[in-house]
Amino acid sequence: MANPIITEAQTKMKKAEQALSREFGTIRAGRANASLLTRVTVEYYGVETPINQVAAITVPEPRVILVTPFDKSALQDVEKGILESDLGITPANDGSAIRLVVPQLTEERRKELAKQVRGVAEGGKVAVRNVRREAMDALKKGHKNGDFTDDDLHGLEKDVQKVTDKAIKDIDQLTDEKEQEIIAG
């Protein structure tokens, strides 16, 4: 039977990996990807609204993102939202949709982005290690309360370490994939 402390730690570590994966999606790799716009909001009828709730986002070409507002009257607001975001891509308004041409990355920019990816990955690893520490503390507390024996505690600590090692390995793999995507362009 799986220990609830380990199960909870595993769940939290998986969530840290998923958050890291979403964060990686917002890092530009020289090719168009709709997830680049996940943090962009648009003022729509006086309310800050995520861009994907006011417009269809498609990738018709490898380096082009097409943003088509559901409500044509929101075109200017969508364009303004993109301009005010930190994307660094200038929107081109054609009257019915907005085109974002993702520029090719320079070698220097690729290295910068790879460094940024490693920094974000380290944040994910820190989150995983914090979950590990919480789980170890909970196990020690349970041992102190007499919930399990010394042998049980050692076995459970090993299980927590295995879960942690797997999460760190998964993060390293995600990081390597994102770095390759950036370097390959």
N, C-alpha and C. Protein backbone atom coordinates (compact mmCIF):
# COMPACT_ATOMS: atom_id res chain seq x y z
N MET A 1 0.85 -1.20 0.00
CA MET A 1 0.00 0.00 0.00
C MET A 1 0.89 1.26 0.00
N ALA A 2 0.59 2.17 -0.86
CA ALA A 2 1.38 3.40 -0.95
C ALA A 2 1.07 4.30 0.25
N ASN A 3 2.12 4.90 0.74
CA ASN A 3 1.98 5.81 1.88
C ASN A 3 1.39 7.14 1.39
N PRO A 4 0.40 7.70 2.10
CA PRO A 4 -0.22 8.96 1.64
C PRO A 4 0.76 10.12 1.58
N ILE A 5 1.78 10.12 2.42
CA ILE A 5 2.78 11.20 2.40
C ILE A 5 3.56 11.15 1.08
N ILE A 6 3.93 9.94 0.67
CA ILE A 6 4.68 9.77 -0.57
C ILE A 6 3.79 10.07 -1.77
N THR A 7 2.55 9.63 -1.72
CA THR A 7 1.60 9.90 -2.81
C THR A 7 1.41 11.41 -2.99
N GLU A 8 1.26 12.11 -1.87
CA GLU A 8 1.09 13.57 -1.94
C GLU A 8 2.36 14.24 -2.49
N ALA A 9 3.52 13.77 -2.04
CA ALA A 9 4.79 14.33 -2.53
C ALA A 9 4.90 14.12 -4.03
N GLN A 10 4.54 12.93 -4.49
CA GLN A 10 4.59 12.61 -5.92
C GLN A 10 3.68 13.55 -6.71
N THR A 11 2.48 13.77 -6.20
CA THR A 11 1.51 14.66 -6.86
C THR A 11 2.06 16.08 -6.95
N LYS A 12 2.61 16.57 -5.84
CA LYS A 12 3.15 17.94 -5.82
C LYS A 12 4.34 18.09 -6.77
N MET A 13 5.19 17.05 -6.83
CA MET A 13 6.35 17.11 -7.72
C MET A 13 5.90 17.11 -9.18
N LYS A 14 4.86 16.33 -9.48
CA LYS A 14 4.32 16.29 -10.84
C LYS A 14 3.77 17.67 -11.23
N LYS A 15 3.11 18.34 -10.27
CA LYS A 15 2.59 19.69 -10.53
C LYS A 15 3.72 20.67 -10.77
N ALA A 16 4.84 20.51 -10.06
CA ALA A 16 6.01 21.38 -10.27
C ALA A 16 6.55 21.17 -11.68
N GLU A 17 6.59 19.92 -12.15
CA GLU A 17 7.04 19.62 -13.51
C GLU A 17 6.11 20.26 -14.54
N GLN A 18 4.79 20.16 -14.30
CA GLN A 18 3.82 20.73 -15.24
C GLN A 18 3.95 22.25 -15.30
N ALA A 19 4.16 22.87 -14.14
CA ALA A 19 4.34 24.33 -14.11
C ALA A 19 5.59 24.71 -14.88
N LEU A 20 6.64 23.93 -14.72
CA LEU A 20 7.89 24.19 -15.43
C LEU A 20 7.68 24.06 -16.94
N SER A 21 6.95 23.05 -17.34
CA SER A 21 6.67 22.83 -18.75
C SER A 21 5.90 24.02 -19.34
N ARG A 22 4.91 24.52 -18.58
CA ARG A 22 4.16 25.71 -19.04
C ARG A 22 5.07 26.92 -19.15
N GLU A 23 5.96 27.07 -18.17
CA GLU A 23 6.91 28.19 -18.17
C GLU A 23 7.82 28.11 -19.40
N PHE A 24 8.28 26.89 -19.71
CA PHE A 24 9.13 26.69 -20.90
C PHE A 24 8.37 27.09 -22.16
N GLY A 25 7.07 26.85 -22.19
CA GLY A 25 6.27 27.18 -23.36
C GLY A 25 6.25 28.67 -23.66
N THR A 26 6.48 29.49 -22.64
CA THR A 26 6.45 30.94 -22.85
C THR A 26 7.82 31.48 -23.29
N ILE A 27 8.83 30.62 -23.32
CA ILE A 27 10.16 31.06 -23.76
C ILE A 27 10.26 30.86 -25.26
N ARG A 28 10.54 31.94 -25.96
CA ARG A 28 10.56 31.95 -27.41
C ARG A 28 11.74 31.14 -27.94
N ALA A 29 11.50 30.26 -28.88
CA ALA A 29 12.57 29.43 -29.42
C ALA A 29 12.82 29.67 -30.90
N GLY A 30 12.40 30.82 -31.42
CA GLY A 30 12.65 31.13 -32.82
C GLY A 30 11.62 30.56 -33.77
N ARG A 31 10.64 29.86 -33.23
CA ARG A 31 9.56 29.38 -34.09
C ARG A 31 8.24 29.71 -33.41
N ALA A 32 7.22 29.83 -34.22
CA ALA A 32 5.91 30.23 -33.70
C ALA A 32 5.33 29.13 -32.83
N ASN A 33 4.74 29.56 -31.72
CA ASN A 33 4.10 28.63 -30.79
C ASN A 33 3.01 29.43 -30.07
N ALA A 34 1.78 28.94 -30.12
CA ALA A 34 0.66 29.67 -29.52
C ALA A 34 0.86 29.92 -28.03
N SER A 35 1.63 29.07 -27.35
CA SER A 35 1.82 29.25 -25.91
C SER A 35 2.65 30.50 -25.58
N LEU A 36 3.27 31.11 -26.60
CA LEU A 36 3.98 32.37 -26.36
C LEU A 36 3.02 33.45 -25.86
N LEU A 37 1.74 33.31 -26.21
CA LEU A 37 0.76 34.33 -25.85
C LEU A 37 0.01 34.04 -24.56
N THR A 38 0.38 32.98 -23.82
CA THR A 38 -0.40 32.59 -22.64
C THR A 38 -0.47 33.67 -21.58
N ARG A 39 0.55 34.51 -21.48
CA ARG A 39 0.51 35.54 -20.43
C ARG A 39 -0.03 36.89 -20.92
N VAL A 40 -0.41 36.96 -22.18
CA VAL A 40 -0.91 38.21 -22.75
C VAL A 40 -2.38 38.39 -22.37
N THR A 41 -2.69 39.58 -21.86
CA THR A 41 -4.09 39.89 -21.55
C THR A 41 -4.54 41.08 -22.40
N VAL A 42 -5.83 41.15 -22.61
CA VAL A 42 -6.43 42.20 -23.44
C VAL A 42 -7.51 42.88 -22.60
N GLU A 43 -7.56 44.21 -22.67
CA GLU A 43 -8.64 44.91 -21.98
C GLU A 43 -9.86 44.82 -22.89
N TYR A 44 -10.83 44.01 -22.48
CA TYR A 44 -12.01 43.74 -23.29
C TYR A 44 -13.23 44.16 -22.48
N TYR A 45 -13.91 45.19 -22.95
CA TYR A 45 -15.04 45.79 -22.24
C TYR A 45 -14.66 46.13 -20.80
N GLY A 46 -13.48 46.71 -20.63
CA GLY A 46 -13.03 47.19 -19.33
C GLY A 46 -12.49 46.13 -18.39
N VAL A 47 -12.37 44.88 -18.86
CA VAL A 47 -11.88 43.80 -18.02
C VAL A 47 -10.64 43.17 -18.65
N GLU A 48 -9.57 42.99 -17.85
CA GLU A 48 -8.37 42.31 -18.35
C GLU A 48 -8.73 40.84 -18.58
N THR A 49 -8.63 40.40 -19.83
CA THR A 49 -9.04 39.05 -20.22
C THR A 49 -7.89 38.35 -20.93
N PRO A 50 -7.64 37.08 -20.65
CA PRO A 50 -6.59 36.35 -21.39
C PRO A 50 -6.90 36.38 -22.89
N ILE A 51 -5.86 36.55 -23.68
CA ILE A 51 -6.03 36.72 -25.13
C ILE A 51 -6.75 35.54 -25.76
N ASN A 52 -6.52 34.32 -25.26
CA ASN A 52 -7.17 33.15 -25.87
C ASN A 52 -8.67 33.10 -25.63
N GLN A 53 -9.20 33.99 -24.77
CA GLN A 53 -10.65 34.05 -24.55
C GLN A 53 -11.32 35.08 -25.45
N VAL A 54 -10.52 35.90 -26.12
CA VAL A 54 -11.11 36.90 -27.02
C VAL A 54 -10.70 36.69 -28.47
N ALA A 55 -9.78 35.74 -28.72
CA ALA A 55 -9.31 35.54 -30.08
C ALA A 55 -8.88 34.10 -30.33
N ALA A 56 -8.97 33.70 -31.59
CA ALA A 56 -8.46 32.39 -32.00
C ALA A 56 -6.98 32.57 -32.32
N ILE A 57 -6.17 31.66 -31.82
CA ILE A 57 -4.73 31.75 -32.04
C ILE A 57 -4.30 30.53 -32.84
N THR A 58 -3.74 30.78 -34.04
CA THR A 58 -3.30 29.69 -34.90
C THR A 58 -1.87 29.93 -35.35
N VAL A 59 -1.25 28.87 -35.86
CA VAL A 59 0.13 28.95 -36.36
C VAL A 59 0.10 28.44 -37.81
N PRO A 60 -0.20 29.35 -38.78
CA PRO A 60 -0.33 28.92 -40.17
C PRO A 60 1.02 28.60 -40.83
N GLU A 61 2.10 29.17 -40.32
CA GLU A 61 3.44 28.94 -40.86
C GLU A 61 4.39 28.75 -39.69
N PRO A 62 5.56 28.15 -39.91
CA PRO A 62 6.49 27.89 -38.79
C PRO A 62 6.89 29.11 -37.97
N ARG A 63 6.91 30.30 -38.59
CA ARG A 63 7.35 31.48 -37.83
C ARG A 63 6.28 32.56 -37.73
N VAL A 64 5.01 32.17 -37.94
CA VAL A 64 3.91 33.15 -37.90
C VAL A 64 2.82 32.68 -36.94
N ILE A 65 2.39 33.59 -36.08
CA ILE A 65 1.23 33.34 -35.21
C ILE A 65 0.13 34.26 -35.71
N LEU A 66 -1.05 33.71 -35.95
CA LEU A 66 -2.19 34.49 -36.42
C LEU A 66 -3.21 34.59 -35.29
N VAL A 67 -3.54 35.83 -34.92
CA VAL A 67 -4.50 36.07 -33.84
C VAL A 67 -5.73 36.71 -34.46
N THR A 68 -6.85 35.97 -34.43
CA THR A 68 -8.10 36.45 -35.04
C THR A 68 -9.14 36.65 -33.94
N PRO A 69 -9.46 37.91 -33.61
CA PRO A 69 -10.46 38.17 -32.56
C PRO A 69 -11.83 37.60 -32.94
N PHE A 70 -12.53 37.06 -31.96
CA PHE A 70 -13.89 36.55 -32.19
C PHE A 70 -14.82 37.72 -32.49
N ASP A 71 -14.56 38.86 -31.85
CA ASP A 71 -15.34 40.07 -32.03
C ASP A 71 -14.42 41.07 -32.75
N LYS A 72 -14.73 41.38 -34.01
CA LYS A 72 -13.85 42.25 -34.81
C LYS A 72 -13.62 43.63 -34.16
N SER A 73 -14.58 44.08 -33.33
CA SER A 73 -14.41 45.39 -32.69
C SER A 73 -13.30 45.35 -31.63
N ALA A 74 -12.84 44.16 -31.27
CA ALA A 74 -11.78 44.03 -30.25
C ALA A 74 -10.39 43.99 -30.87
N LEU A 75 -10.30 44.13 -32.19
CA LEU A 75 -9.01 44.03 -32.89
C LEU A 75 -7.97 45.00 -32.32
N GLN A 76 -8.38 46.26 -32.14
CA GLN A 76 -7.44 47.27 -31.60
C GLN A 76 -7.00 46.91 -30.19
N ASP A 77 -7.94 46.43 -29.38
CA ASP A 77 -7.62 46.05 -27.99
C ASP A 77 -6.63 44.88 -27.95
N VAL A 78 -6.83 43.92 -28.86
CA VAL A 78 -5.93 42.77 -28.93
C VAL A 78 -4.53 43.23 -29.33
N GLU A 79 -4.49 44.10 -30.33
CA GLU A 79 -3.19 44.63 -30.79
C GLU A 79 -2.50 45.37 -29.65
N LYS A 80 -3.25 46.18 -28.92
CA LYS A 80 -2.69 46.93 -27.80
C LYS A 80 -2.16 45.98 -26.72
N GLY A 81 -2.92 44.93 -26.42
CA GLY A 81 -2.50 43.95 -25.42
C GLY A 81 -1.18 43.29 -25.78
N ILE A 82 -1.04 42.96 -27.07
CA ILE A 82 0.21 42.33 -27.53
C ILE A 82 1.37 43.32 -27.45
N LEU A 83 1.11 44.56 -27.85
CA LEU A 83 2.17 45.59 -27.79
C LEU A 83 2.63 45.82 -26.35
N GLU A 84 1.68 45.79 -25.39
CA GLU A 84 2.02 46.06 -24.00
C GLU A 84 2.64 44.86 -23.28
N SER A 85 2.58 43.69 -23.93
CA SER A 85 3.19 42.50 -23.31
C SER A 85 4.70 42.56 -23.50
N ASP A 86 5.40 41.63 -22.88
CA ASP A 86 6.86 41.63 -22.99
C ASP A 86 7.37 40.66 -24.06
N LEU A 87 6.55 40.43 -25.10
CA LEU A 87 6.92 39.48 -26.15
C LEU A 87 8.10 39.93 -26.99
N GLY A 88 8.18 41.22 -27.25
CA GLY A 88 9.24 41.72 -28.11
C GLY A 88 8.96 41.44 -29.58
N ILE A 89 7.69 41.21 -29.92
CA ILE A 89 7.29 40.99 -31.32
C ILE A 89 6.27 42.07 -31.67
N THR A 90 6.50 42.76 -32.78
CA THR A 90 5.58 43.81 -33.19
C THR A 90 4.43 43.20 -33.99
N PRO A 91 3.19 43.45 -33.55
CA PRO A 91 2.04 42.90 -34.27
C PRO A 91 1.76 43.66 -35.57
N ALA A 92 1.33 42.92 -36.59
CA ALA A 92 0.94 43.53 -37.86
C ALA A 92 -0.56 43.32 -38.02
N ASN A 93 -1.31 44.43 -38.00
CA ASN A 93 -2.77 44.40 -38.08
C ASN A 93 -3.18 44.51 -39.55
N ASP A 94 -3.91 43.50 -40.05
CA ASP A 94 -4.35 43.56 -41.45
C ASP A 94 -5.82 43.93 -41.59
N GLY A 95 -6.45 44.40 -40.49
CA GLY A 95 -7.84 44.82 -40.54
C GLY A 95 -8.82 43.77 -40.04
N SER A 96 -8.44 42.49 -40.11
CA SER A 96 -9.34 41.45 -39.60
C SER A 96 -8.61 40.51 -38.63
N ALA A 97 -7.30 40.51 -38.70
CA ALA A 97 -6.51 39.65 -37.80
C ALA A 97 -5.15 40.31 -37.56
N ILE A 98 -4.41 39.73 -36.63
CA ILE A 98 -3.09 40.25 -36.31
C ILE A 98 -2.08 39.15 -36.55
N ARG A 99 -1.05 39.50 -37.30
CA ARG A 99 0.05 38.55 -37.57
C ARG A 99 1.23 38.91 -36.70
N LEU A 100 1.82 37.87 -36.10
CA LEU A 100 3.05 38.04 -35.33
C LEU A 100 4.11 37.20 -36.01
N VAL A 101 5.13 37.85 -36.55
CA VAL A 101 6.21 37.12 -37.19
C VAL A 101 7.33 36.97 -36.17
N VAL A 102 7.60 35.72 -35.82
CA VAL A 102 8.63 35.43 -34.82
C VAL A 102 9.99 35.53 -35.52
N PRO A 103 10.83 36.47 -35.06
CA PRO A 103 12.12 36.64 -35.74
C PRO A 103 13.07 35.47 -35.47
N GLN A 104 13.98 35.25 -36.43
CA GLN A 104 15.03 34.24 -36.22
C GLN A 104 15.88 34.69 -35.05
N LEU A 105 16.36 33.75 -34.29
CA LEU A 105 17.20 34.09 -33.15
C LEU A 105 18.66 34.17 -33.55
N THR A 106 19.35 35.16 -32.98
CA THR A 106 20.80 35.24 -33.20
C THR A 106 21.46 34.21 -32.28
N GLU A 107 22.71 33.88 -32.58
CA GLU A 107 23.44 32.91 -31.76
C GLU A 107 23.53 33.39 -30.31
N GLU A 108 23.76 34.69 -30.15
CA GLU A 108 23.87 35.28 -28.81
C GLU A 108 22.55 35.15 -28.05
N ARG A 109 21.44 35.43 -28.74
CA ARG A 109 20.12 35.34 -28.11
C ARG A 109 19.79 33.89 -27.75
N ARG A 110 20.21 32.96 -28.60
CA ARG A 110 19.99 31.54 -28.30
C ARG A 110 20.68 31.15 -26.99
N LYS A 111 21.91 31.62 -26.83
CA LYS A 111 22.67 31.31 -25.61
C LYS A 111 22.00 31.93 -24.39
N GLU A 112 21.51 33.17 -24.56
CA GLU A 112 20.78 33.84 -23.47
C GLU A 112 19.55 33.04 -23.07
N LEU A 113 18.79 32.60 -24.06
CA LEU A 113 17.57 31.84 -23.80
C LEU A 113 17.89 30.49 -23.16
N ALA A 114 18.95 29.85 -23.60
CA ALA A 114 19.35 28.56 -23.01
C ALA A 114 19.70 28.76 -21.54
N LYS A 115 20.36 29.87 -21.25
CA LYS A 115 20.71 30.20 -19.86
C LYS A 115 19.43 30.44 -19.05
N GLN A 116 18.47 31.14 -19.66
CA GLN A 116 17.18 31.40 -19.00
C GLN A 116 16.46 30.09 -18.71
N VAL A 117 16.50 29.16 -19.67
CA VAL A 117 15.87 27.85 -19.49
C VAL A 117 16.49 27.13 -18.30
N ARG A 118 17.82 27.16 -18.20
CA ARG A 118 18.49 26.51 -17.07
C ARG A 118 18.08 27.15 -15.74
N GLY A 119 17.92 28.48 -15.73
CA GLY A 119 17.49 29.18 -14.51
C GLY A 119 16.08 28.78 -14.10
N VAL A 120 15.18 28.70 -15.08
CA VAL A 120 13.80 28.30 -14.81
C VAL A 120 13.78 26.85 -14.30
N ALA A 121 14.61 26.00 -14.92
CA ALA A 121 14.68 24.59 -14.52
C ALA A 121 15.18 24.48 -13.08
N GLU A 122 16.13 25.29 -12.71
CA GLU A 122 16.64 25.26 -11.33
C GLU A 122 15.53 25.61 -10.36
N GLY A 123 14.68 26.57 -10.73
CA GLY A 123 13.52 26.92 -9.90
C GLY A 123 12.60 25.72 -9.71
N GLY A 124 12.41 24.93 -10.79
CA GLY A 124 11.59 23.72 -10.71
C GLY A 124 12.21 22.69 -9.78
N LYS A 125 13.53 22.55 -9.86
CA LYS A 125 14.22 21.59 -8.99
C LYS A 125 14.12 22.02 -7.53
N VAL A 126 14.21 23.31 -7.28
CA VAL A 126 14.07 23.82 -5.91
C VAL A 126 12.68 23.47 -5.37
N ALA A 127 11.66 23.64 -6.22
CA ALA A 127 10.29 23.31 -5.80
C ALA A 127 10.20 21.82 -5.44
N VAL A 128 10.81 20.97 -6.26
CA VAL A 128 10.79 19.52 -6.00
C VAL A 128 11.51 19.21 -4.69
N ARG A 129 12.66 19.87 -4.47
CA ARG A 129 13.41 19.62 -3.23
C ARG A 129 12.62 20.10 -2.01
N ASN A 130 11.88 21.17 -2.16
CA ASN A 130 11.04 21.64 -1.05
C ASN A 130 9.96 20.61 -0.72
N VAL A 131 9.38 20.01 -1.74
CA VAL A 131 8.37 18.97 -1.53
C VAL A 131 9.02 17.78 -0.83
N ARG A 132 10.24 17.43 -1.24
CA ARG A 132 10.97 16.32 -0.61
C ARG A 132 11.17 16.61 0.88
N ARG A 133 11.61 17.84 1.18
CA ARG A 133 11.85 18.21 2.58
C ARG A 133 10.55 18.11 3.40
N GLU A 134 9.45 18.62 2.82
CA GLU A 134 8.15 18.53 3.51
C GLU A 134 7.78 17.08 3.79
N ALA A 135 7.98 16.21 2.80
CA ALA A 135 7.64 14.80 2.96
C ALA A 135 8.51 14.16 4.04
N MET A 136 9.81 14.46 4.02
CA MET A 136 10.73 13.90 5.03
C MET A 136 10.32 14.37 6.43
N ASP A 137 9.98 15.65 6.54
CA ASP A 137 9.54 16.18 7.84
C ASP A 137 8.28 15.47 8.32
N ALA A 138 7.33 15.25 7.40
CA ALA A 138 6.08 14.56 7.75
C ALA A 138 6.37 13.12 8.19
N LEU A 139 7.31 12.46 7.51
CA LEU A 139 7.66 11.09 7.89
C LEU A 139 8.29 11.06 9.29
N LYS A 140 9.19 12.00 9.54
CA LYS A 140 9.85 12.05 10.86
C LYS A 140 8.82 12.33 11.96
N LYS A 141 7.88 13.20 11.65
CA LYS A 141 6.83 13.52 12.62
C LYS A 141 5.98 12.27 12.90
N GLY A 142 5.66 11.54 11.82
CA GLY A 142 4.89 10.31 11.97
C GLY A 142 5.65 9.27 12.79
N HIS A 143 6.95 9.19 12.56
CA HIS A 143 7.79 8.25 13.31
C HIS A 143 7.80 8.63 14.79
N LYS A 144 7.93 9.92 15.04
CA LYS A 144 7.96 10.43 16.42
C LYS A 144 6.63 10.11 17.13
N ASN A 145 5.54 10.18 16.36
CA ASN A 145 4.21 9.89 16.93
C ASN A 145 3.95 8.39 17.04
N GLY A 146 4.89 7.59 16.57
CA GLY A 146 4.73 6.14 16.64
C GLY A 146 3.92 5.54 15.51
N ASP A 147 3.73 6.29 14.42
CA ASP A 147 2.97 5.77 13.27
C ASP A 147 3.73 4.67 12.54
N PHE A 148 5.08 4.74 12.54
CA PHE A 148 5.87 3.68 11.92
C PHE A 148 7.18 3.46 12.67
N THR A 149 7.75 2.27 12.44
CA THR A 149 8.98 1.85 13.12
C THR A 149 10.19 2.50 12.45
N ASP A 150 11.37 2.29 13.05
CA ASP A 150 12.61 2.79 12.46
C ASP A 150 12.80 2.22 11.05
N ASP A 151 12.56 0.92 10.90
CA ASP A 151 12.72 0.27 9.59
C ASP A 151 11.75 0.84 8.57
N ASP A 152 10.49 1.04 8.99
CA ASP A 152 9.50 1.65 8.10
C ASP A 152 9.96 3.04 7.66
N LEU A 153 10.46 3.82 8.62
CA LEU A 153 10.91 5.18 8.32
C LEU A 153 12.01 5.16 7.27
N HIS A 154 13.00 4.27 7.45
CA HIS A 154 14.10 4.21 6.48
C HIS A 154 13.60 3.82 5.09
N GLY A 155 12.70 2.86 5.05
CA GLY A 155 12.13 2.44 3.76
C GLY A 155 11.35 3.56 3.10
N LEU A 156 10.55 4.27 3.88
CA LEU A 156 9.75 5.39 3.33
C LEU A 156 10.65 6.54 2.88
N GLU A 157 11.72 6.80 3.64
CA GLU A 157 12.66 7.85 3.23
C GLU A 157 13.30 7.50 1.89
N LYS A 158 13.63 6.21 1.71
CA LYS A 158 14.20 5.76 0.43
C LYS A 158 13.19 5.96 -0.70
N ASP A 159 11.90 5.67 -0.41
CA ASP A 159 10.84 5.85 -1.41
C ASP A 159 10.71 7.32 -1.81
N VAL A 160 10.76 8.22 -0.81
CA VAL A 160 10.69 9.66 -1.10
C VAL A 160 11.87 10.06 -1.97
N GLN A 161 13.05 9.52 -1.67
CA GLN A 161 14.24 9.86 -2.45
C GLN A 161 14.10 9.36 -3.89
N LYS A 162 13.53 8.16 -4.08
CA LYS A 162 13.32 7.63 -5.43
C LYS A 162 12.38 8.53 -6.22
N VAL A 163 11.29 8.96 -5.58
CA VAL A 163 10.32 9.85 -6.24
C VAL A 163 11.00 11.18 -6.61
N THR A 164 11.83 11.68 -5.69
CA THR A 164 12.54 12.94 -5.92
C THR A 164 13.51 12.79 -7.09
N ASP A 165 14.28 11.71 -7.09
CA ASP A 165 15.26 11.47 -8.16
C ASP A 165 14.57 11.40 -9.51
N LYS A 166 13.40 10.75 -9.57
CA LYS A 166 12.67 10.64 -10.83
C LYS A 166 12.19 12.02 -11.29
N ALA A 167 11.67 12.81 -10.36
CA ALA A 167 11.18 14.16 -10.71
C ALA A 167 12.34 15.03 -11.23
N ILE A 168 13.49 14.95 -10.58
CA ILE A 168 14.66 15.73 -11.02
C ILE A 168 15.10 15.27 -12.41
N LYS A 169 15.09 13.94 -12.63
CA LYS A 169 15.47 13.39 -13.93
C LYS A 169 14.50 13.89 -15.02
N ASP A 170 13.20 13.90 -14.70
CA ASP A 170 12.20 14.38 -15.66
C ASP A 170 12.41 15.86 -15.98
N ILE A 171 12.74 16.65 -14.96
CA ILE A 171 13.01 18.08 -15.17
C ILE A 171 14.24 18.25 -16.05
N ASP A 172 15.28 17.46 -15.80
CA ASP A 172 16.49 17.54 -16.63
C ASP A 172 16.16 17.20 -18.08
N GLN A 173 15.29 16.21 -18.29
CA GLN A 173 14.91 15.84 -19.65
C GLN A 173 14.13 16.97 -20.33
N LEU A 174 13.17 17.56 -19.62
CA LEU A 174 12.42 18.70 -20.17
C LEU A 174 13.37 19.84 -20.54
N THR A 175 14.34 20.08 -19.65
CA THR A 175 15.31 21.16 -19.86
C THR A 175 16.14 20.89 -21.11
N ASP A 176 16.64 19.67 -21.23
CA ASP A 176 17.45 19.31 -22.41
C ASP A 176 16.66 19.47 -23.69
N GLU A 177 15.39 19.04 -23.67
CA GLU A 177 14.53 19.17 -24.87
C GLU A 177 14.34 20.63 -25.24
N LYS A 178 14.08 21.49 -24.26
CA LYS A 178 13.86 22.91 -24.54
C LYS A 178 15.14 23.55 -25.04
N GLU A 179 16.28 23.21 -24.44
CA GLU A 179 17.57 23.76 -24.91
C GLU A 179 17.85 23.35 -26.35
N GLN A 180 17.56 22.08 -26.69
CA GLN A 180 17.75 21.61 -28.06
C GLN A 180 16.85 22.36 -29.04
N GLU A 181 15.61 22.61 -28.60
CA GLU A 181 14.66 23.35 -29.43
C GLU A 181 15.20 24.76 -29.71
N ILE A 182 15.77 25.38 -28.69
CA ILE A 182 16.30 26.73 -28.84
C ILE A 182 17.55 26.74 -29.73
N ILE A 183 18.45 25.82 -29.47
CA ILE A 183 19.69 25.78 -30.23
C ILE A 183 19.43 25.41 -31.69
N ALA A 184 18.51 24.47 -31.92
CA ALA A 184 18.19 24.04 -33.29
C ALA A 184 17.44 25.15 -34.06
N GLY A 185 16.71 25.99 -33.29
CA GLY A 185 15.97 27.08 -33.92
C GLY A 185 14.82 26.54 -34.68
